[in-house]
C-alpha atoms as a PDB file:
ATOM      1  CA  MET A   1       2.590   2.183 -20.493  1.00  0.00           C
ATOM      2  CA  THR A   2       5.044   1.978 -17.611  1.00  0.00           C
ATOM      3  CA  GLN A   3       7.219  -1.140 -17.622  1.00  0.00           C
ATOM      4  CA  PRO A   4       6.904  -3.450 -14.613  1.00  0.00           C
ATOM      5  CA  VAL A   5       9.573  -2.946 -11.953  1.00  0.00           C
ATOM      6  CA  ARG A   6      11.717  -6.034 -11.455  1.00  0.00           C
ATOM      7  CA  VAL A   7      12.819  -7.119  -7.996  1.00  0.00           C
ATOM      8  CA  ARG A   8      15.015 -10.032  -6.977  1.00  0.00           C
ATOM      9  CA  ASN A   9      13.287 -13.358  -6.581  1.00  0.00           C
ATOM     10  CA  LEU A  10      13.898 -15.839  -3.812  1.00  0.00           C
ATOM     11  CA  PRO A  11      13.627 -19.563  -4.448  1.00  0.00           C
ATOM     12  CA  GLY A  12       9.967 -20.433  -4.866  1.00  0.00           C
ATOM     13  CA  GLY A  13       9.097 -17.039  -6.360  1.00  0.00           C
ATOM     14  CA  ALA A  14       8.820 -14.955  -3.162  1.00  0.00           C
ATOM     15  CA  MET A  15       9.993 -11.374  -3.618  1.00  0.00           C
ATOM     16  CA  ARG A  16      12.951 -10.245  -1.480  1.00  0.00           C
ATOM     17  CA  ILE A  17      11.902  -6.762  -0.452  1.00  0.00           C
ATOM     18  CA  ASN A  18      10.747  -5.451   2.891  1.00  0.00           C
ATOM     19  CA  GLU A  19       7.660  -3.316   3.359  1.00  0.00           C
ATOM     20  CA  LEU A  20       9.581  -0.052   3.798  1.00  0.00           C
ATOM     21  CA  ALA A  21      11.541  -0.530   0.559  1.00  0.00           C
ATOM     22  CA  PHE A  22       8.304  -1.485  -1.188  1.00  0.00           C
ATOM     23  CA  ARG A  23       6.635   1.670   0.147  1.00  0.00           C
ATOM     24  CA  ARG A  24       9.489   3.800  -1.218  1.00  0.00           C
ATOM     25  CA  MET A  25       9.009   2.230  -4.649  1.00  0.00           C
ATOM     26  CA  ILE A  26       5.399   3.426  -4.574  1.00  0.00           C
ATOM     27  CA  VAL A  27       5.517   6.859  -2.875  1.00  0.00           C
ATOM     28  CA  GLY A  28       9.204   7.734  -2.557  1.00  0.00           C
ATOM     29  CA  PRO A  29      10.679  10.657  -4.514  1.00  0.00           C
ATOM     30  CA  ARG A  30      11.017   8.422  -7.588  1.00  0.00           C
ATOM     31  CA  GLY A  31       8.089   6.179  -6.709  1.00  0.00           C
ATOM     32  CA  LEU A  32       5.509   5.091  -9.237  1.00  0.00           C
ATOM     33  CA  ALA A  33       2.629   6.958  -7.603  1.00  0.00           C
ATOM     34  CA  THR A  34       4.702  10.104  -7.176  1.00  0.00           C
ATOM     35  CA  GLN A  35       5.794  10.057 -10.825  1.00  0.00           C
ATOM     36  CA  THR A  36       2.234   9.651 -12.074  1.00  0.00           C
ATOM     37  CA  GLY A  37       0.698  12.579 -10.163  1.00  0.00           C
ATOM     38  CA  TRP A  38      -0.622  10.901  -7.023  1.00  0.00           C
ATOM     39  CA  VAL A  39      -0.351  12.536  -3.618  1.00  0.00           C
ATOM     40  CA  HIS A  40      -0.615  10.503  -0.454  1.00  0.00           C
ATOM     41  CA  VAL A  41      -0.849  10.279   3.263  1.00  0.00           C
ATOM     42  CA  GLY A  42       0.533   7.288   5.064  1.00  0.00           C
ATOM     43  CA  PHE A  43       0.608   5.950   8.577  1.00  0.00           C
ATOM     44  CA  ARG A  44       3.318   3.740   9.997  1.00  0.00           C
ATOM     45  CA  PRO A  45       3.702   2.409  13.501  1.00  0.00           C
ATOM     46  CA  ALA A  46       6.466   3.760  15.705  1.00  0.00           C
ATOM     47  CA  MET A  47       8.263   2.095  18.579  1.00  0.00           C
ATOM     48  CA  THR A  48       7.376   3.619  21.942  1.00  0.00           C
ATOM     49  CA  THR A  49       8.227   2.643  25.484  1.00  0.00           C
ATOM     50  CA  HIS A  50       4.976   0.635  25.385  1.00  0.00           C
ATOM     51  CA  GLY A  51       5.792  -1.225  22.145  1.00  0.00           C
ATOM     52  CA  TRP A  52       4.681  -0.532  18.567  1.00  0.00           C
ATOM     53  CA  ARG A  53       1.923   2.083  18.272  1.00  0.00           C
ATOM     54  CA  THR A  54       0.203   3.818  15.370  1.00  0.00           C
ATOM     55  CA  PRO A  55      -1.412   7.137  16.226  1.00  0.00           C
ATOM     56  CA  GLY A  56      -5.112   7.326  15.580  1.00  0.00           C
ATOM     57  CA  THR A  57      -8.496   7.020  17.200  1.00  0.00           C
ATOM     58  CA  GLY A  58     -11.807   5.506  16.223  1.00  0.00           C
ATOM     59  CA  GLU A  59     -13.104   2.122  15.167  1.00  0.00           C
ATOM     60  CA  LEU A  60     -11.091   2.091  11.926  1.00  0.00           C
ATOM     61  CA  ALA A  61      -7.764   3.264  13.369  1.00  0.00           C
ATOM     62  CA  LYS A  62      -6.214  -0.099  14.263  1.00  0.00           C
ATOM     63  CA  GLY A  63      -6.529  -1.587  10.771  1.00  0.00           C
ATOM     64  CA  TRP A  64      -6.291   1.619   8.708  1.00  0.00           C
ATOM     65  CA  PRO A  65      -4.428   1.074   5.387  1.00  0.00           C
ATOM     66  CA  ASP A  66      -0.799   2.112   5.033  1.00  0.00           C
ATOM     67  CA  LEU A  67      -1.540   4.557   2.210  1.00  0.00           C
ATOM     68  CA  VAL A  68      -4.336   6.781   1.039  1.00  0.00           C
ATOM     69  CA  LEU A  69      -3.498   7.867  -2.505  1.00  0.00           C
ATOM     70  CA  VAL A  70      -5.330  10.776  -4.141  1.00  0.00           C
ATOM     71  CA  HIS A  71      -5.167  11.834  -7.793  1.00  0.00           C
ATOM     72  CA  PRO A  72      -7.024  15.147  -8.145  1.00  0.00           C
ATOM     73  CA  ARG A  73      -7.007  15.195 -11.968  1.00  0.00           C
ATOM     74  CA  GLN A  74      -8.247  11.622 -12.221  1.00  0.00           C
ATOM     75  CA  ARG A  75     -10.700  12.261  -9.373  1.00  0.00           C
ATOM     76  CA  ARG A  76      -9.710   8.994  -7.742  1.00  0.00           C
ATOM     77  CA  VAL A  77      -8.823   7.852  -4.234  1.00  0.00           C
ATOM     78  CA  LEU A  78      -7.138   4.530  -3.442  1.00  0.00           C
ATOM     79  CA  PHE A  79      -6.777   2.937  -0.016  1.00  0.00           C
ATOM     80  CA  ARG A  80      -3.892   0.473  -0.049  1.00  0.00           C
ATOM     81  CA  GLU A  81      -2.394  -1.798   2.565  1.00  0.00           C
ATOM     82  CA  LEU A  82       1.216  -2.680   1.709  1.00  0.00           C
ATOM     83  CA  LYS A  83       2.543  -6.091   2.620  1.00  0.00           C
ATOM     84  CA  ALA A  84       5.836  -7.874   2.038  1.00  0.00           C
ATOM     85  CA  ALA A  85       5.539 -11.141   0.120  1.00  0.00           C
ATOM     86  CA  ASP A  86       5.083 -13.092   3.337  1.00  0.00           C
ATOM     87  CA  GLY A  87       3.241 -10.346   5.267  1.00  0.00           C
ATOM     88  CA  VAL A  88       0.043 -11.380   7.016  1.00  0.00           C
ATOM     89  CA  ILE A  89      -3.113  -9.267   6.889  1.00  0.00           C
ATOM     90  CA  SER A  90      -4.562  -8.895  10.380  1.00  0.00           C
ATOM     91  CA  ASP A  91      -8.235  -9.372  11.172  1.00  0.00           C
ATOM     92  CA  GLU A  92      -8.485  -5.627  11.853  1.00  0.00           C
ATOM     93  CA  GLN A  93      -6.945  -4.762   8.483  1.00  0.00           C
ATOM     94  CA  ARG A  94      -9.296  -7.149   6.696  1.00  0.00           C
ATOM     95  CA  TRP A  95     -12.311  -5.635   8.510  1.00  0.00           C
ATOM     96  CA  VAL A  96     -11.276  -2.058   7.613  1.00  0.00           C
ATOM     97  CA  GLU A  97     -10.769  -3.059   3.958  1.00  0.00           C
ATOM     98  CA  GLU A  98     -14.216  -4.688   3.859  1.00  0.00           C
ATOM     99  CA  THR A  99     -15.770  -1.640   5.557  1.00  0.00           C
ATOM    100  CA  LEU A 100     -14.184   0.769   3.067  1.00  0.00           C
ATOM    101  CA  ARG A 101     -15.319  -1.373   0.131  1.00  0.00           C
ATOM    102  CA  ALA A 102     -18.861  -1.545   1.522  1.00  0.00           C
ATOM    103  CA  ALA A 103     -18.879   2.262   1.440  1.00  0.00           C
ATOM    104  CA  GLY A 104     -17.822   2.240  -2.229  1.00  0.00           C
ATOM    105  CA  ALA A 105     -14.107   2.916  -1.710  1.00  0.00           C
ATOM    106  CA  ASP A 106     -11.338   1.377  -3.791  1.00  0.00           C
ATOM    107  CA  ALA A 107      -9.510  -0.545  -1.042  1.00  0.00           C
ATOM    108  CA  ASP A 108      -7.058  -3.391  -1.557  1.00  0.00           C
ATOM    109  CA  VAL A 109      -3.694  -4.905  -0.648  1.00  0.00           C
ATOM    110  CA  TRP A 110      -0.515  -4.520  -2.705  1.00  0.00           C
ATOM    111  CA  ARG A 111       2.489  -6.825  -2.494  1.00  0.00           C
ATOM    112  CA  PRO A 112       5.870  -6.633  -4.277  1.00  0.00           C
ATOM    113  CA  ALA A 113       4.738  -9.230  -6.813  1.00  0.00           C
ATOM    114  CA  ASP A 114       2.080  -6.711  -7.920  1.00  0.00           C
ATOM    115  CA  LEU A 115       4.885  -4.424  -9.119  1.00  0.00           C
ATOM    116  CA  ASP A 116       6.487  -7.198 -11.110  1.00  0.00           C
ATOM    117  CA  SER A 117       3.186  -8.213 -12.699  1.00  0.00           C
ATOM    118  CA  GLY A 118       2.325  -4.616 -13.658  1.00  0.00           C
ATOM    119  CA  ARG A 119      -0.854  -4.618 -11.564  1.00  0.00           C
ATOM    120  CA  ILE A 120       0.135  -1.532  -9.545  1.00  0.00           C
ATOM    121  CA  GLN A 121       1.091   0.383 -12.675  1.00  0.00           C
ATOM    122  CA  ARG A 122      -2.286  -0.442 -14.272  1.00  0.00           C
ATOM    123  CA  GLU A 123      -4.149   0.726 -11.145  1.00  0.00           C
ATOM    124  CA  LEU A 124      -2.238   4.001 -10.954  1.00  0.00           C
ATOM    125  CA  LEU A 125      -2.743   4.965 -14.596  1.00  0.00           C
ATOM    126  CA  PRO A 126      -6.111   6.266 -15.817  1.00  0.00           C
END
């Protein structure tokens, strides 16, 4: 089994890692998902002249999860929202997660502490 990844702790146990660095630990070239055969698509907001925007249309677009992970051999699909230790889940994100779950999808939120605990590794392995 893969060993948990350790990250630096702040006083009070909060993990010191931003969402982009966390994302790279999951789906970067040496990321856990990448190393275990997962492929992904991800959506991140971009700064425009009108502020932060994420491309997409439809009722689910505003709260769509950061990552959709697919493992063809395992025949599994995961929808994951990534949040820093102190990141707040918006009402739209919560609604999309609940909607995906109601349809039978595996949708959840991952935080850096989930790497340290081994939770993410357990969810990525068969």
